[in-house]
Amino acid sequence: MVQIKRIQEDGLDIIVPIGEVDASSSIELDLVIAKSVGEGYTKILVDCTALEYISSAGLGVFMSYIEEFKDKHIRMVLFGMNERVANTFEILGLNELLTIAGDKAQAKQLVA
């Protein structure tokens, strides 16, 4: 089960998934990202500090946007992952395809 908040701050759209993103809740994550893109945000941060778990379906949501983000010049940075979540990204090599920062300040620098 996941709850997803969106916060607009300094021209950024910050997506905050809280809880677990699995096959059933990955749809919610997809809808939130699509809404952010649809509203014209070109700088998106994903605050993973409250993300406890992400399944391959959740990772697939991020993967599905890589080409669209390149085409539309959208920068997305994920930050604040716990060790379990970070390991999931690393095992699948997504840390090479997505921009991941340690904290919010670093993430803001990377989208600037």
PDB file of N, CA and C in Angstrom:
ATOM      1  N   MET A   1       0.848  -1.191   0.000  1.00  0.00           N
ATOM      2  CA  MET A   1       0.000   0.000   0.000  1.00  0.00           C
ATOM      3  C   MET A   1       0.884   1.241   0.000  1.00  0.00           C
ATOM      4  N   VAL A   2       0.495   2.194  -0.831  1.00  0.00           N
ATOM      5  CA  VAL A   2       1.283   3.424  -0.912  1.00  0.00           C
ATOM      6  C   VAL A   2       0.355   4.632  -0.873  1.00  0.00           C
ATOM      7  N   GLN A   3       0.865   5.686  -0.278  1.00  0.00           N
ATOM      8  CA  GLN A   3       0.208   6.985  -0.335  1.00  0.00           C
ATOM      9  C   GLN A   3       1.215   7.883  -1.050  1.00  0.00           C
ATOM     10  N   ILE A   4       0.738   8.709  -1.967  1.00  0.00           N
ATOM     11  CA  ILE A   4       1.654   9.564  -2.716  1.00  0.00           C
ATOM     12  C   ILE A   4       1.214  11.013  -2.581  1.00  0.00           C
ATOM     13  N   LYS A   5       2.146  11.840  -2.121  1.00  0.00           N
ATOM     14  CA  LYS A   5       1.897  13.275  -2.003  1.00  0.00           C
ATOM     15  C   LYS A   5       2.676  13.993  -3.090  1.00  0.00           C
ATOM     16  N   ARG A   6       2.168  15.153  -3.488  1.00  0.00           N
ATOM     17  CA  ARG A   6       2.889  16.034  -4.411  1.00  0.00           C
ATOM     18  C   ARG A   6       3.031  17.392  -3.756  1.00  0.00           C
ATOM     19  N   ILE A   7       4.232  17.930  -3.847  1.00  0.00           N
ATOM     20  CA  ILE A   7       4.520  19.240  -3.274  1.00  0.00           C
ATOM     21  C   ILE A   7       5.186  20.080  -4.364  1.00  0.00           C
ATOM     22  N   GLN A   8       4.697  21.296  -4.575  1.00  0.00           N
ATOM     23  CA  GLN A   8       5.322  22.204  -5.525  1.00  0.00           C
ATOM     24  C   GLN A   8       6.170  23.193  -4.733  1.00  0.00           C
ATOM     25  N   GLU A   9       7.440  23.288  -5.124  1.00  0.00           N
ATOM     26  CA  GLU A   9       8.375  24.120  -4.367  1.00  0.00           C
ATOM     27  C   GLU A   9       9.467  24.628  -5.306  1.00  0.00           C
ATOM     28  N   ASP A  10       9.649  25.931  -5.373  1.00  0.00           N
ATOM     29  CA  ASP A  10      10.721  26.547  -6.183  1.00  0.00           C
ATOM     30  C   ASP A  10      10.705  26.077  -7.642  1.00  0.00           C
ATOM     31  N   GLY A  11       9.517  25.928  -8.235  1.00  0.00           N
ATOM     32  CA  GLY A  11       9.415  25.490  -9.624  1.00  0.00           C
ATOM     33  C   GLY A  11       9.617  24.000  -9.838  1.00  0.00           C
ATOM     34  N   LEU A  12       9.733  23.278  -8.747  1.00  0.00           N
ATOM     35  CA  LEU A  12       9.917  21.826  -8.799  1.00  0.00           C
ATOM     36  C   LEU A  12       8.611  21.139  -8.428  1.00  0.00           C
ATOM     37  N   ASP A  13       8.411  19.955  -8.976  1.00  0.00           N
ATOM     38  CA  ASP A  13       7.324  19.103  -8.508  1.00  0.00           C
ATOM     39  C   ASP A  13       7.987  17.983  -7.727  1.00  0.00           C
ATOM     40  N   ILE A  14       7.654  17.881  -6.457  1.00  0.00           N
ATOM     41  CA  ILE A  14       8.250  16.858  -5.605  1.00  0.00           C
ATOM     42  C   ILE A  14       7.199  15.788  -5.335  1.00  0.00           C
ATOM     43  N   ILE A  15       7.518  14.573  -5.742  1.00  0.00           N
ATOM     44  CA  ILE A  15       6.628  13.431  -5.563  1.00  0.00           C
ATOM     45  C   ILE A  15       7.141  12.646  -4.358  1.00  0.00           C
ATOM     46  N   VAL A  16       6.232  12.373  -3.408  1.00  0.00           N
ATOM     47  CA  VAL A  16       6.628  11.717  -2.164  1.00  0.00           C
ATOM     48  C   VAL A  16       5.825  10.422  -1.974  1.00  0.00           C
ATOM     49  N   PRO A  17       6.381   9.279  -2.403  1.00  0.00           N
ATOM     50  CA  PRO A  17       5.700   8.013  -2.139  1.00  0.00           C
ATOM     51  C   PRO A  17       5.945   7.582  -0.685  1.00  0.00           C
ATOM     52  N   ILE A  18       4.870   7.208   0.002  1.00  0.00           N
ATOM     53  CA  ILE A  18       4.956   6.807   1.406  1.00  0.00           C
ATOM     54  C   ILE A  18       4.470   5.371   1.521  1.00  0.00           C
ATOM     55  N   GLY A  19       5.334   4.499   2.004  1.00  0.00           N
ATOM     56  CA  GLY A  19       4.952   3.099   2.174  1.00  0.00           C
ATOM     57  C   GLY A  19       5.615   2.210   1.145  1.00  0.00           C
ATOM     58  N   GLU A  20       4.824   1.321   0.538  1.00  0.00           N
ATOM     59  CA  GLU A  20       5.353   0.324  -0.388  1.00  0.00           C
ATOM     60  C   GLU A  20       4.740   0.476  -1.773  1.00  0.00           C
ATOM     61  N   VAL A  21       5.600   0.457  -2.796  1.00  0.00           N
ATOM     62  CA  VAL A  21       5.128   0.477  -4.179  1.00  0.00           C
ATOM     63  C   VAL A  21       5.286  -0.941  -4.718  1.00  0.00           C
ATOM     64  N   ASP A  22       4.159  -1.602  -4.954  1.00  0.00           N
ATOM     65  CA  ASP A  22       4.179  -2.958  -5.497  1.00  0.00           C
ATOM     66  C   ASP A  22       3.349  -2.985  -6.774  1.00  0.00           C
ATOM     67  N   ALA A  23       3.051  -4.176  -7.259  1.00  0.00           N
ATOM     68  CA  ALA A  23       2.336  -4.302  -8.537  1.00  0.00           C
ATOM     69  C   ALA A  23       1.012  -3.548  -8.535  1.00  0.00           C
ATOM     70  N   SER A  24       0.263  -3.624  -7.433  1.00  0.00           N
ATOM     71  CA  SER A  24      -1.051  -2.969  -7.412  1.00  0.00           C
ATOM     72  C   SER A  24      -0.950  -1.465  -7.215  1.00  0.00           C
ATOM     73  N   SER A  25       0.020  -1.009  -6.438  1.00  0.00           N
ATOM     74  CA  SER A  25       0.106   0.432  -6.173  1.00  0.00           C
ATOM     75  C   SER A  25       1.008   1.161  -7.168  1.00  0.00           C
ATOM     76  N   SER A  26       1.714   0.434  -8.030  1.00  0.00           N
ATOM     77  CA  SER A  26       2.568   1.104  -9.018  1.00  0.00           C
ATOM     78  C   SER A  26       1.739   1.934  -9.994  1.00  0.00           C
ATOM     79  N   ILE A  27       0.473   1.559 -10.164  1.00  0.00           N
ATOM     80  CA  ILE A  27      -0.431   2.315 -11.040  1.00  0.00           C
ATOM     81  C   ILE A  27      -0.605   3.743 -10.506  1.00  0.00           C
ATOM     82  N   GLU A  28      -0.714   3.872  -9.179  1.00  0.00           N
ATOM     83  CA  GLU A  28      -0.858   5.201  -8.571  1.00  0.00           C
ATOM     84  C   GLU A  28       0.386   6.048  -8.832  1.00  0.00           C
ATOM     85  N   LEU A  29       1.562   5.436  -8.700  1.00  0.00           N
ATOM     86  CA  LEU A  29       2.805   6.150  -8.957  1.00  0.00           C
ATOM     87  C   LEU A  29       2.850   6.619 -10.408  1.00  0.00           C
ATOM     88  N   ASP A  30       2.459   5.756 -11.316  1.00  0.00           N
ATOM     89  CA  ASP A  30       2.431   6.091 -12.737  1.00  0.00           C
ATOM     90  C   ASP A  30       1.506   7.279 -12.998  1.00  0.00           C
ATOM     91  N   LEU A  31       0.333   7.271 -12.393  1.00  0.00           N
ATOM     92  CA  LEU A  31      -0.628   8.359 -12.589  1.00  0.00           C
ATOM     93  C   LEU A  31      -0.090   9.688 -12.064  1.00  0.00           C
ATOM     94  N   VAL A  32       0.602   9.650 -10.931  1.00  0.00           N
ATOM     95  CA  VAL A  32       1.144  10.881 -10.349  1.00  0.00           C
ATOM     96  C   VAL A  32       2.253  11.450 -11.238  1.00  0.00           C
ATOM     97  N   ILE A  33       3.133  10.586 -11.734  1.00  0.00           N
ATOM     98  CA  ILE A  33       4.197  11.054 -12.625  1.00  0.00           C
ATOM     99  C   ILE A  33       3.589  11.611 -13.915  1.00  0.00           C
ATOM    100  N   ALA A  34       2.611  10.904 -14.471  1.00  0.00           N
ATOM    101  CA  ALA A  34       1.951  11.366 -15.699  1.00  0.00           C
ATOM    102  C   ALA A  34       1.299  12.725 -15.489  1.00  0.00           C
ATOM    103  N   LYS A  35       0.703  12.938 -14.319  1.00  0.00           N
ATOM    104  CA  LYS A  35       0.067  14.220 -14.016  1.00  0.00           C
ATOM    105  C   LYS A  35       1.114  15.336 -13.943  1.00  0.00           C
ATOM    106  N   SER A  36       2.234  15.041 -13.315  1.00  0.00           N
ATOM    107  CA  SER A  36       3.315  16.022 -13.216  1.00  0.00           C
ATOM    108  C   SER A  36       3.804  16.420 -14.607  1.00  0.00           C
ATOM    109  N   VAL A  37       4.026  15.432 -15.467  1.00  0.00           N
ATOM    110  CA  VAL A  37       4.470  15.687 -16.840  1.00  0.00           C
ATOM    111  C   VAL A  37       3.397  16.463 -17.601  1.00  0.00           C
ATOM    112  N   GLY A  38       2.146  16.060 -17.424  1.00  0.00           N
ATOM    113  CA  GLY A  38       1.032  16.709 -18.109  1.00  0.00           C
ATOM    114  C   GLY A  38       0.849  18.161 -17.712  1.00  0.00           C
ATOM    115  N   GLU A  39       1.231  18.485 -16.491  1.00  0.00           N
ATOM    116  CA  GLU A  39       1.127  19.864 -16.009  1.00  0.00           C
ATOM    117  C   GLU A  39       2.329  20.704 -16.428  1.00  0.00           C
ATOM    118  N   GLY A  40       3.256  20.087 -17.152  1.00  0.00           N
ATOM    119  CA  GLY A  40       4.368  20.846 -17.715  1.00  0.00           C
ATOM    120  C   GLY A  40       5.605  20.968 -16.852  1.00  0.00           C
ATOM    121  N   TYR A  41       5.690  20.211 -15.780  1.00  0.00           N
ATOM    122  CA  TYR A  41       6.903  20.276 -14.953  1.00  0.00           C
ATOM    123  C   TYR A  41       8.079  19.657 -15.701  1.00  0.00           C
ATOM    124  N   THR A  42       9.219  20.342 -15.677  1.00  0.00           N
ATOM    125  CA  THR A  42      10.421  19.820 -16.321  1.00  0.00           C
ATOM    126  C   THR A  42      11.485  19.436 -15.300  1.00  0.00           C
ATOM    127  N   LYS A  43      11.209  19.729 -14.035  1.00  0.00           N
ATOM    128  CA  LYS A  43      12.120  19.354 -12.950  1.00  0.00           C
ATOM    129  C   LYS A  43      11.296  18.634 -11.885  1.00  0.00           C
ATOM    130  N   ILE A  44      11.555  17.332 -11.764  1.00  0.00           N
ATOM    131  CA  ILE A  44      10.780  16.492 -10.853  1.00  0.00           C
ATOM    132  C   ILE A  44      11.733  15.820  -9.867  1.00  0.00           C
ATOM    133  N   LEU A  45      11.425  15.960  -8.593  1.00  0.00           N
ATOM    134  CA  LEU A  45      12.169  15.240  -7.562  1.00  0.00           C
ATOM    135  C   LEU A  45      11.261  14.152  -7.001  1.00  0.00           C
ATOM    136  N   VAL A  46      11.842  13.000  -6.710  1.00  0.00           N
ATOM    137  CA  VAL A  46      11.092  11.924  -6.061  1.00  0.00           C
ATOM    138  C   VAL A  46      11.745  11.705  -4.704  1.00  0.00           C
ATOM    139  N   ASP A  47      11.010  12.090  -3.656  1.00  0.00           N
ATOM    140  CA  ASP A  47      11.497  11.991  -2.279  1.00  0.00           C
ATOM    141  C   ASP A  47      11.208  10.577  -1.776  1.00  0.00           C
ATOM    142  N   CYS A  48      12.271   9.773  -1.667  1.00  0.00           N
ATOM    143  CA  CYS A  48      12.118   8.367  -1.294  1.00  0.00           C
ATOM    144  C   CYS A  48      12.355   8.113   0.193  1.00  0.00           C
ATOM    145  N   THR A  49      12.386   9.174   0.993  1.00  0.00           N
ATOM    146  CA  THR A  49      12.710   8.997   2.415  1.00  0.00           C
ATOM    147  C   THR A  49      11.669   8.157   3.156  1.00  0.00           C
ATOM    148  N   ALA A  50      10.420   8.170   2.702  1.00  0.00           N
ATOM    149  CA  ALA A  50       9.365   7.385   3.358  1.00  0.00           C
ATOM    150  C   ALA A  50       8.980   6.147   2.538  1.00  0.00           C
ATOM    151  N   LEU A  51       9.761   5.861   1.491  1.00  0.00           N
ATOM    152  CA  LEU A  51       9.510   4.689   0.658  1.00  0.00           C
ATOM    153  C   LEU A  51      10.170   3.487   1.323  1.00  0.00           C
ATOM    154  N   GLU A  52       9.352   2.539   1.752  1.00  0.00           N
ATOM    155  CA  GLU A  52       9.867   1.382   2.486  1.00  0.00           C
ATOM    156  C   GLU A  52      10.266   0.235   1.571  1.00  0.00           C
ATOM    157  N   TYR A  53       9.609   0.122   0.418  1.00  0.00           N
ATOM    158  CA  TYR A  53       9.835  -1.010  -0.481  1.00  0.00           C
ATOM    159  C   TYR A  53       9.360  -0.623  -1.872  1.00  0.00           C
ATOM    160  N   ILE A  54      10.060  -1.124  -2.893  1.00  0.00           N
ATOM    161  CA  ILE A  54       9.592  -0.940  -4.268  1.00  0.00           C
ATOM    162  C   ILE A  54       9.814  -2.251  -5.022  1.00  0.00           C
ATOM    163  N   SER A  55       8.790  -2.697  -5.712  1.00  0.00           N
ATOM    164  CA  SER A  55       8.872  -3.943  -6.480  1.00  0.00           C
ATOM    165  C   SER A  55       9.363  -3.651  -7.894  1.00  0.00           C
ATOM    166  N   SER A  56       9.550  -4.706  -8.664  1.00  0.00           N
ATOM    167  CA  SER A  56       9.967  -4.526 -10.051  1.00  0.00           C
ATOM    168  C   SER A  56       8.911  -3.756 -10.840  1.00  0.00           C
ATOM    169  N   ALA A  57       7.642  -3.907 -10.471  1.00  0.00           N
ATOM    170  CA  ALA A  57       6.580  -3.140 -11.150  1.00  0.00           C
ATOM    171  C   ALA A  57       6.750  -1.646 -10.885  1.00  0.00           C
ATOM    172  N   GLY A  58       7.097  -1.296  -9.664  1.00  0.00           N
ATOM    173  CA  GLY A  58       7.347   0.102  -9.329  1.00  0.00           C
ATOM    174  C   GLY A  58       8.544   0.656 -10.069  1.00  0.00           C
ATOM    175  N   LEU A  59       9.604  -0.155 -10.153  1.00  0.00           N
ATOM    176  CA  LEU A  59      10.786   0.257 -10.899  1.00  0.00           C
ATOM    177  C   LEU A  59      10.452   0.434 -12.374  1.00  0.00           C
ATOM    178  N   GLY A  60       9.578  -0.409 -12.869  1.00  0.00           N
ATOM    179  CA  GLY A  60       9.161  -0.334 -14.264  1.00  0.00           C
ATOM    180  C   GLY A  60       8.487   0.981 -14.600  1.00  0.00           C
ATOM    181  N   VAL A  61       7.797   1.553 -13.622  1.00  0.00           N
ATOM    182  CA  VAL A  61       7.154   2.858 -13.839  1.00  0.00           C
ATOM    183  C   VAL A  61       8.224   3.901 -14.173  1.00  0.00           C
ATOM    184  N   PHE A  62       9.283   3.943 -13.381  1.00  0.00           N
ATOM    185  CA  PHE A  62      10.358   4.905 -13.652  1.00  0.00           C
ATOM    186  C   PHE A  62      11.007   4.628 -15.006  1.00  0.00           C
ATOM    187  N   MET A  63      11.212   3.360 -15.307  1.00  0.00           N
ATOM    188  CA  MET A  63      11.845   2.977 -16.576  1.00  0.00           C
ATOM    189  C   MET A  63      10.998   3.421 -17.769  1.00  0.00           C
ATOM    190  N   SER A  64       9.687   3.336 -17.612  1.00  0.00           N
ATOM    191  CA  SER A  64       8.798   3.649 -18.732  1.00  0.00           C
ATOM    192  C   SER A  64       8.849   5.124 -19.137  1.00  0.00           C
ATOM    193  N   TYR A  65       9.395   5.966 -18.272  1.00  0.00           N
ATOM    194  CA  TYR A  65       9.445   7.409 -18.567  1.00  0.00           C
ATOM    195  C   TYR A  65      10.796   7.880 -19.083  1.00  0.00           C
ATOM    196  N   ILE A  66      11.806   7.029 -19.098  1.00  0.00           N
ATOM    197  CA  ILE A  66      13.157   7.476 -19.460  1.00  0.00           C
ATOM    198  C   ILE A  66      13.198   8.150 -20.828  1.00  0.00           C
ATOM    199  N   GLU A  67      12.653   7.527 -21.845  1.00  0.00           N
ATOM    200  CA  GLU A  67      12.690   8.103 -23.198  1.00  0.00           C
ATOM    201  C   GLU A  67      11.852   9.376 -23.292  1.00  0.00           C
ATOM    202  N   GLU A  68      10.664   9.355 -22.685  1.00  0.00           N
ATOM    203  CA  GLU A  68       9.808  10.546 -22.726  1.00  0.00           C
ATOM    204  C   GLU A  68      10.500  11.727 -22.053  1.00  0.00           C
ATOM    205  N   PHE A  69      11.159  11.475 -20.931  1.00  0.00           N
ATOM    206  CA  PHE A  69      11.861  12.542 -20.231  1.00  0.00           C
ATOM    207  C   PHE A  69      12.982  13.105 -21.093  1.00  0.00           C
ATOM    208  N   LYS A  70      13.690  12.237 -21.806  1.00  0.00           N
ATOM    209  CA  LYS A  70      14.755  12.723 -22.702  1.00  0.00           C
ATOM    210  C   LYS A  70      14.159  13.585 -23.802  1.00  0.00           C
ATOM    211  N   ASP A  71      13.077  13.104 -24.419  1.00  0.00           N
ATOM    212  CA  ASP A  71      12.440  13.832 -25.520  1.00  0.00           C
ATOM    213  C   ASP A  71      11.912  15.197 -25.087  1.00  0.00           C
ATOM    214  N   LYS A  72      11.381  15.272 -23.867  1.00  0.00           N
ATOM    215  CA  LYS A  72      10.764  16.511 -23.380  1.00  0.00           C
ATOM    216  C   LYS A  72      11.713  17.339 -22.500  1.00  0.00           C
ATOM    217  N   HIS A  73      12.961  16.914 -22.401  1.00  0.00           N
ATOM    218  CA  HIS A  73      13.964  17.605 -21.582  1.00  0.00           C
ATOM    219  C   HIS A  73      13.500  17.759 -20.133  1.00  0.00           C
ATOM    220  N   ILE A  74      12.961  16.687 -19.588  1.00  0.00           N
ATOM    221  CA  ILE A  74      12.523  16.662 -18.195  1.00  0.00           C
ATOM    222  C   ILE A  74      13.623  16.010 -17.369  1.00  0.00           C
ATOM    223  N   ARG A  75      13.978  16.658 -16.279  1.00  0.00           N
ATOM    224  CA  ARG A  75      14.986  16.103 -15.364  1.00  0.00           C
ATOM    225  C   ARG A  75      14.279  15.563 -14.139  1.00  0.00           C
ATOM    226  N   MET A  76      14.570  14.312 -13.812  1.00  0.00           N
ATOM    227  CA  MET A  76      13.999  13.696 -12.613  1.00  0.00           C
ATOM    228  C   MET A  76      15.149  13.158 -11.762  1.00  0.00           C
ATOM    229  N   VAL A  77      15.106  13.475 -10.480  1.00  0.00           N
ATOM    230  CA  VAL A  77      16.108  12.974  -9.545  1.00  0.00           C
ATOM    231  C   VAL A  77      15.387  12.335  -8.365  1.00  0.00           C
ATOM    232  N   LEU A  78      15.801  11.127  -8.032  1.00  0.00           N
ATOM    233  CA  LEU A  78      15.282  10.436  -6.861  1.00  0.00           C
ATOM    234  C   LEU A  78      16.272  10.653  -5.726  1.00  0.00           C
ATOM    235  N   PHE A  79      15.776  10.801  -4.505  1.00  0.00           N
ATOM    236  CA  PHE A  79      16.704  11.010  -3.380  1.00  0.00           C
ATOM    237  C   PHE A  79      16.153  10.412  -2.094  1.00  0.00           C
ATOM    238  N   GLY A  80      17.062  10.219  -1.140  1.00  0.00           N
ATOM    239  CA  GLY A  80      16.684   9.799   0.199  1.00  0.00           C
ATOM    240  C   GLY A  80      16.300   8.327   0.333  1.00  0.00           C
ATOM    241  N   MET A  81      16.851   7.474  -0.513  1.00  0.00           N
ATOM    242  CA  MET A  81      16.498   6.049  -0.455  1.00  0.00           C
ATOM    243  C   MET A  81      17.133   5.369   0.744  1.00  0.00           C
ATOM    244  N   ASN A  82      16.361   4.489   1.371  1.00  0.00           N
ATOM    245  CA  ASN A  82      16.956   3.646   2.403  1.00  0.00           C
ATOM    246  C   ASN A  82      17.779   2.559   1.711  1.00  0.00           C
ATOM    247  N   GLU A  83      18.547   1.811   2.486  1.00  0.00           N
ATOM    248  CA  GLU A  83      19.463   0.824   1.914  1.00  0.00           C
ATOM    249  C   GLU A  83      18.720  -0.257   1.120  1.00  0.00           C
ATOM    250  N   ARG A  84      17.577  -0.696   1.623  1.00  0.00           N
ATOM    251  CA  ARG A  84      16.812  -1.750   0.951  1.00  0.00           C
ATOM    252  C   ARG A  84      16.337  -1.289  -0.434  1.00  0.00           C
ATOM    253  N   VAL A  85      15.792  -0.085  -0.506  1.00  0.00           N
ATOM    254  CA  VAL A  85      15.300   0.453  -1.772  1.00  0.00           C
ATOM    255  C   VAL A  85      16.469   0.711  -2.716  1.00  0.00           C
ATOM    256  N   ALA A  86      17.543   1.293  -2.204  1.00  0.00           N
ATOM    257  CA  ALA A  86      18.720   1.570  -3.040  1.00  0.00           C
ATOM    258  C   ALA A  86      19.290   0.283  -3.624  1.00  0.00           C
ATOM    259  N   ASN A  87      19.322  -0.773  -2.833  1.00  0.00           N
ATOM    260  CA  ASN A  87      19.834  -2.059  -3.320  1.00  0.00           C
ATOM    261  C   ASN A  87      18.982  -2.592  -4.462  1.00  0.00           C
ATOM    262  N   THR A  88      17.672  -2.396  -4.381  1.00  0.00           N
ATOM    263  CA  THR A  88      16.776  -2.855  -5.444  1.00  0.00           C
ATOM    264  C   THR A  88      17.117  -2.146  -6.755  1.00  0.00           C
ATOM    265  N   PHE A  89      17.348  -0.845  -6.696  1.00  0.00           N
ATOM    266  CA  PHE A  89      17.721  -0.085  -7.892  1.00  0.00           C
ATOM    267  C   PHE A  89      19.076  -0.561  -8.430  1.00  0.00           C
ATOM    268  N   GLU A  90      20.023  -0.814  -7.512  1.00  0.00           N
ATOM    269  CA  GLU A  90      21.373  -1.220  -7.925  1.00  0.00           C
ATOM    270  C   GLU A  90      21.382  -2.611  -8.543  1.00  0.00           C
ATOM    271  N   ILE A  91      20.657  -3.551  -7.968  1.00  0.00           N
ATOM    272  CA  ILE A  91      20.627  -4.924  -8.471  1.00  0.00           C
ATOM    273  C   ILE A  91      20.191  -4.951  -9.928  1.00  0.00           C
ATOM    274  N   LEU A  92      19.220  -4.116 -10.275  1.00  0.00           N
ATOM    275  CA  LEU A  92      18.704  -4.079 -11.638  1.00  0.00           C
ATOM    276  C   LEU A  92      19.447  -3.078 -12.529  1.00  0.00           C
ATOM    277  N   GLY A  93      20.445  -2.414 -11.960  1.00  0.00           N
ATOM    278  CA  GLY A  93      21.243  -1.473 -12.750  1.00  0.00           C
ATOM    279  C   GLY A  93      20.558  -0.146 -13.027  1.00  0.00           C
ATOM    280  N   LEU A  94      19.466   0.119 -12.329  1.00  0.00           N
ATOM    281  CA  LEU A  94      18.725   1.363 -12.583  1.00  0.00           C
ATOM    282  C   LEU A  94      19.460   2.588 -12.048  1.00  0.00           C
ATOM    283  N   ASN A  95      20.378   2.370 -11.115  1.00  0.00           N
ATOM    284  CA  ASN A  95      21.178   3.492 -10.624  1.00  0.00           C
ATOM    285  C   ASN A  95      22.072   4.055 -11.730  1.00  0.00           C
ATOM    286  N   GLU A  96      22.259   3.278 -12.814  1.00  0.00           N
ATOM    287  CA  GLU A  96      23.030   3.745 -13.964  1.00  0.00           C
ATOM    288  C   GLU A  96      22.145   4.520 -14.950  1.00  0.00           C
ATOM    289  N   LEU A  97      20.848   4.247 -14.946  1.00  0.00           N
ATOM    290  CA  LEU A  97      19.923   4.855 -15.908  1.00  0.00           C
ATOM    291  C   LEU A  97      19.156   6.047 -15.342  1.00  0.00           C
ATOM    292  N   LEU A  98      19.003   6.086 -14.029  1.00  0.00           N
ATOM    293  CA  LEU A  98      18.260   7.152 -13.364  1.00  0.00           C
ATOM    294  C   LEU A  98      19.225   7.973 -12.518  1.00  0.00           C
ATOM    295  N   THR A  99      18.880   9.220 -12.271  1.00  0.00           N
ATOM    296  CA  THR A  99      19.714  10.069 -11.427  1.00  0.00           C
ATOM    297  C   THR A  99      19.244   9.926  -9.986  1.00  0.00           C
ATOM    298  N   ILE A 100      20.169   9.518  -9.127  1.00  0.00           N
ATOM    299  CA  ILE A 100      19.843   9.283  -7.723  1.00  0.00           C
ATOM    300  C   ILE A 100      20.785  10.121  -6.859  1.00  0.00           C
ATOM    301  N   ALA A 101      20.195  10.860  -5.929  1.00  0.00           N
ATOM    302  CA  ALA A 101      20.965  11.713  -5.025  1.00  0.00           C
ATOM    303  C   ALA A 101      20.793  11.237  -3.586  1.00  0.00           C
ATOM    304  N   GLY A 102      21.724  11.633  -2.747  1.00  0.00           N
ATOM    305  CA  GLY A 102      21.650  11.244  -1.343  1.00  0.00           C
ATOM    306  C   GLY A 102      20.583  11.988  -0.571  1.00  0.00           C
ATOM    307  N   ASP A 103      20.467  13.303  -0.843  1.00  0.00           N
ATOM    308  CA  ASP A 103      19.506  14.099  -0.087  1.00  0.00           C
ATOM    309  C   ASP A 103      18.861  15.165  -0.977  1.00  0.00           C
ATOM    310  N   LYS A 104      17.933  15.892  -0.401  1.00  0.00           N
ATOM    311  CA  LYS A 104      17.158  16.879  -1.158  1.00  0.00           C
ATOM    312  C   LYS A 104      18.033  18.000  -1.707  1.00  0.00           C
ATOM    313  N   ALA A 105      18.978  18.472  -0.923  1.00  0.00           N
ATOM    314  CA  ALA A 105      19.850  19.561  -1.380  1.00  0.00           C
ATOM    315  C   ALA A 105      20.647  19.140  -2.608  1.00  0.00           C
ATOM    316  N   GLN A 106      21.184  17.930  -2.573  1.00  0.00           N
ATOM    317  CA  GLN A 106      21.944  17.420  -3.714  1.00  0.00           C
ATOM    318  C   GLN A 106      21.026  17.228  -4.915  1.00  0.00           C
ATOM    319  N   ALA A 107      19.815  16.732  -4.668  1.00  0.00           N
ATOM    320  CA  ALA A 107      18.841  16.515  -5.755  1.00  0.00           C
ATOM    321  C   ALA A 107      18.496  17.841  -6.431  1.00  0.00           C
ATOM    322  N   LYS A 108      18.298  18.883  -5.640  1.00  0.00           N
ATOM    323  CA  LYS A 108      17.981  20.200  -6.210  1.00  0.00           C
ATOM    324  C   LYS A 108      19.128  20.709  -7.079  1.00  0.00           C
ATOM    325  N   GLN A 109      20.359  20.470  -6.665  1.00  0.00           N
ATOM    326  CA  GLN A 109      21.521  20.888  -7.460  1.00  0.00           C
ATOM    327  C   GLN A 109      21.541  20.136  -8.788  1.00  0.00           C
ATOM    328  N   LEU A 110      21.201  18.862  -8.761  1.00  0.00           N
ATOM    329  CA  LEU A 110      21.272  18.041  -9.966  1.00  0.00           C
ATOM    330  C   LEU A 110      20.200  18.394 -11.001  1.00  0.00           C
ATOM    331  N   VAL A 111      19.053  18.940 -10.568  1.00  0.00           N
ATOM    332  CA  VAL A 111      18.030  19.334 -11.548  1.00  0.00           C
ATOM    333  C   VAL A 111      18.190  20.779 -12.006  1.00  0.00           C
ATOM    334  N   ALA A 112      19.028  21.533 -11.303  1.00  0.00           N
ATOM    335  CA  ALA A 112      19.201  22.960 -11.627  1.00  0.00           C
ATOM    336  C   ALA A 112      19.818  23.145 -13.005  1.00  0.00           C
TER     337      ALA A 112
END
